């Protein structure tokens, strides 16, 4: 199973982006996407931005991940 996580693009440096992933700043390669801009949300998998998504979808996915984390920590 593969998992990609929504992250917000904060800065673009050449063909890499600095993305914010739940408060952590990471580099993500932009080789697989065109027209990524600062402020966009992308799905990140294995260090690559693999798909652009809209902000509403990104926020909903992040909310569900946080909810799952909380449920798991209560077990």
Protein backbone atom coordinates (compact mmCIF):
# COMPACT_ATOMS: atom_id res chain seq x y z
CA UNK A 1 0.00 0.00 0.00
CA UNK A 2 1.23 3.49 -0.86
CA UNK A 3 0.47 6.60 1.10
CA UNK A 4 0.75 10.19 -0.06
CA UNK A 5 0.29 13.12 2.27
CA UNK A 6 -1.01 16.61 1.41
CA UNK A 7 1.56 19.36 1.87
CA UNK A 8 1.53 23.08 1.14
CA UNK A 9 4.25 24.44 -1.15
CA UNK A 10 6.04 27.24 0.68
CA UNK A 11 8.98 27.89 -1.64
CA UNK A 12 10.22 26.65 -4.99
CA UNK A 13 13.95 26.26 -5.57
CA UNK A 14 14.68 25.06 -9.09
CA UNK A 15 12.93 21.73 -9.52
CA UNK A 16 12.39 21.20 -5.78
CA UNK A 17 9.82 22.62 -3.43
CA UNK A 18 10.03 23.27 0.26
CA UNK A 19 6.71 21.94 1.53
CA UNK A 20 5.00 22.23 4.88
CA UNK A 21 3.83 18.82 6.04
CA UNK A 22 1.95 19.29 9.33
CA UNK A 23 4.48 21.84 10.53
CA UNK A 24 7.54 19.98 9.21
CA UNK A 25 9.40 21.51 6.29
CA UNK A 26 10.67 19.01 3.73
CA UNK A 27 12.01 19.00 0.20
CA UNK A 28 9.85 17.47 -2.51
CA UNK A 29 10.94 16.94 -6.10
CA UNK A 30 8.69 18.57 -8.70
CA UNK A 31 9.81 16.39 -11.64
CA UNK A 32 6.39 14.79 -12.06
CA UNK A 33 4.27 17.97 -12.13
CA UNK A 34 3.92 21.11 -14.20
CA UNK A 35 2.86 24.59 -13.12
CA UNK A 36 3.30 24.19 -9.35
CA UNK A 37 3.28 27.54 -7.55
CA UNK A 38 3.95 28.66 -4.01
CA UNK A 39 0.75 28.25 -2.02
CA UNK A 40 -0.40 25.17 -3.97
CA UNK A 41 -1.15 21.91 -2.20
CA UNK A 42 0.46 18.74 -3.50
CA UNK A 43 0.39 15.09 -2.53
CA UNK A 44 3.88 13.96 -1.49
CA UNK A 45 5.05 10.36 -1.76
CA UNK A 46 8.63 9.15 -1.33
CA UNK A 47 10.04 12.67 -1.70
CA UNK A 48 8.11 13.50 -4.87
CA UNK A 49 5.13 15.77 -5.40
CA UNK A 50 2.88 13.43 -7.39
CA UNK A 51 -0.36 15.41 -7.77
CA UNK A 52 -1.75 18.89 -7.20
CA UNK A 53 -4.91 19.04 -5.08
CA UNK A 54 -7.18 21.85 -4.01
CA UNK A 55 -7.00 23.37 -0.55
CA UNK A 56 -10.39 21.99 0.58
CA UNK A 57 -9.41 18.42 -0.27
CA UNK A 58 -6.00 18.86 1.37
CA UNK A 59 -7.47 20.24 4.61
CA UNK A 60 -10.12 17.50 4.78
CA UNK A 61 -7.50 14.78 4.25
CA UNK A 62 -5.24 16.29 6.93
CA UNK A 63 -8.21 16.50 9.32
CA UNK A 64 -8.97 12.81 8.76
CA UNK A 65 -5.33 11.86 9.34
CA UNK A 66 -5.29 13.82 12.64
CA UNK A 67 -8.54 12.13 13.68
CA UNK A 68 -7.07 8.71 12.93
CA UNK A 69 -3.93 9.56 14.93
CA UNK A 70 -6.07 10.60 17.90
CA UNK A 71 -8.13 7.43 17.72
CA UNK A 72 -5.00 5.29 17.60
CA UNK A 73 -3.45 7.07 20.57
CA UNK A 74 -6.60 6.47 22.64
CA UNK A 75 -6.40 2.70 22.20
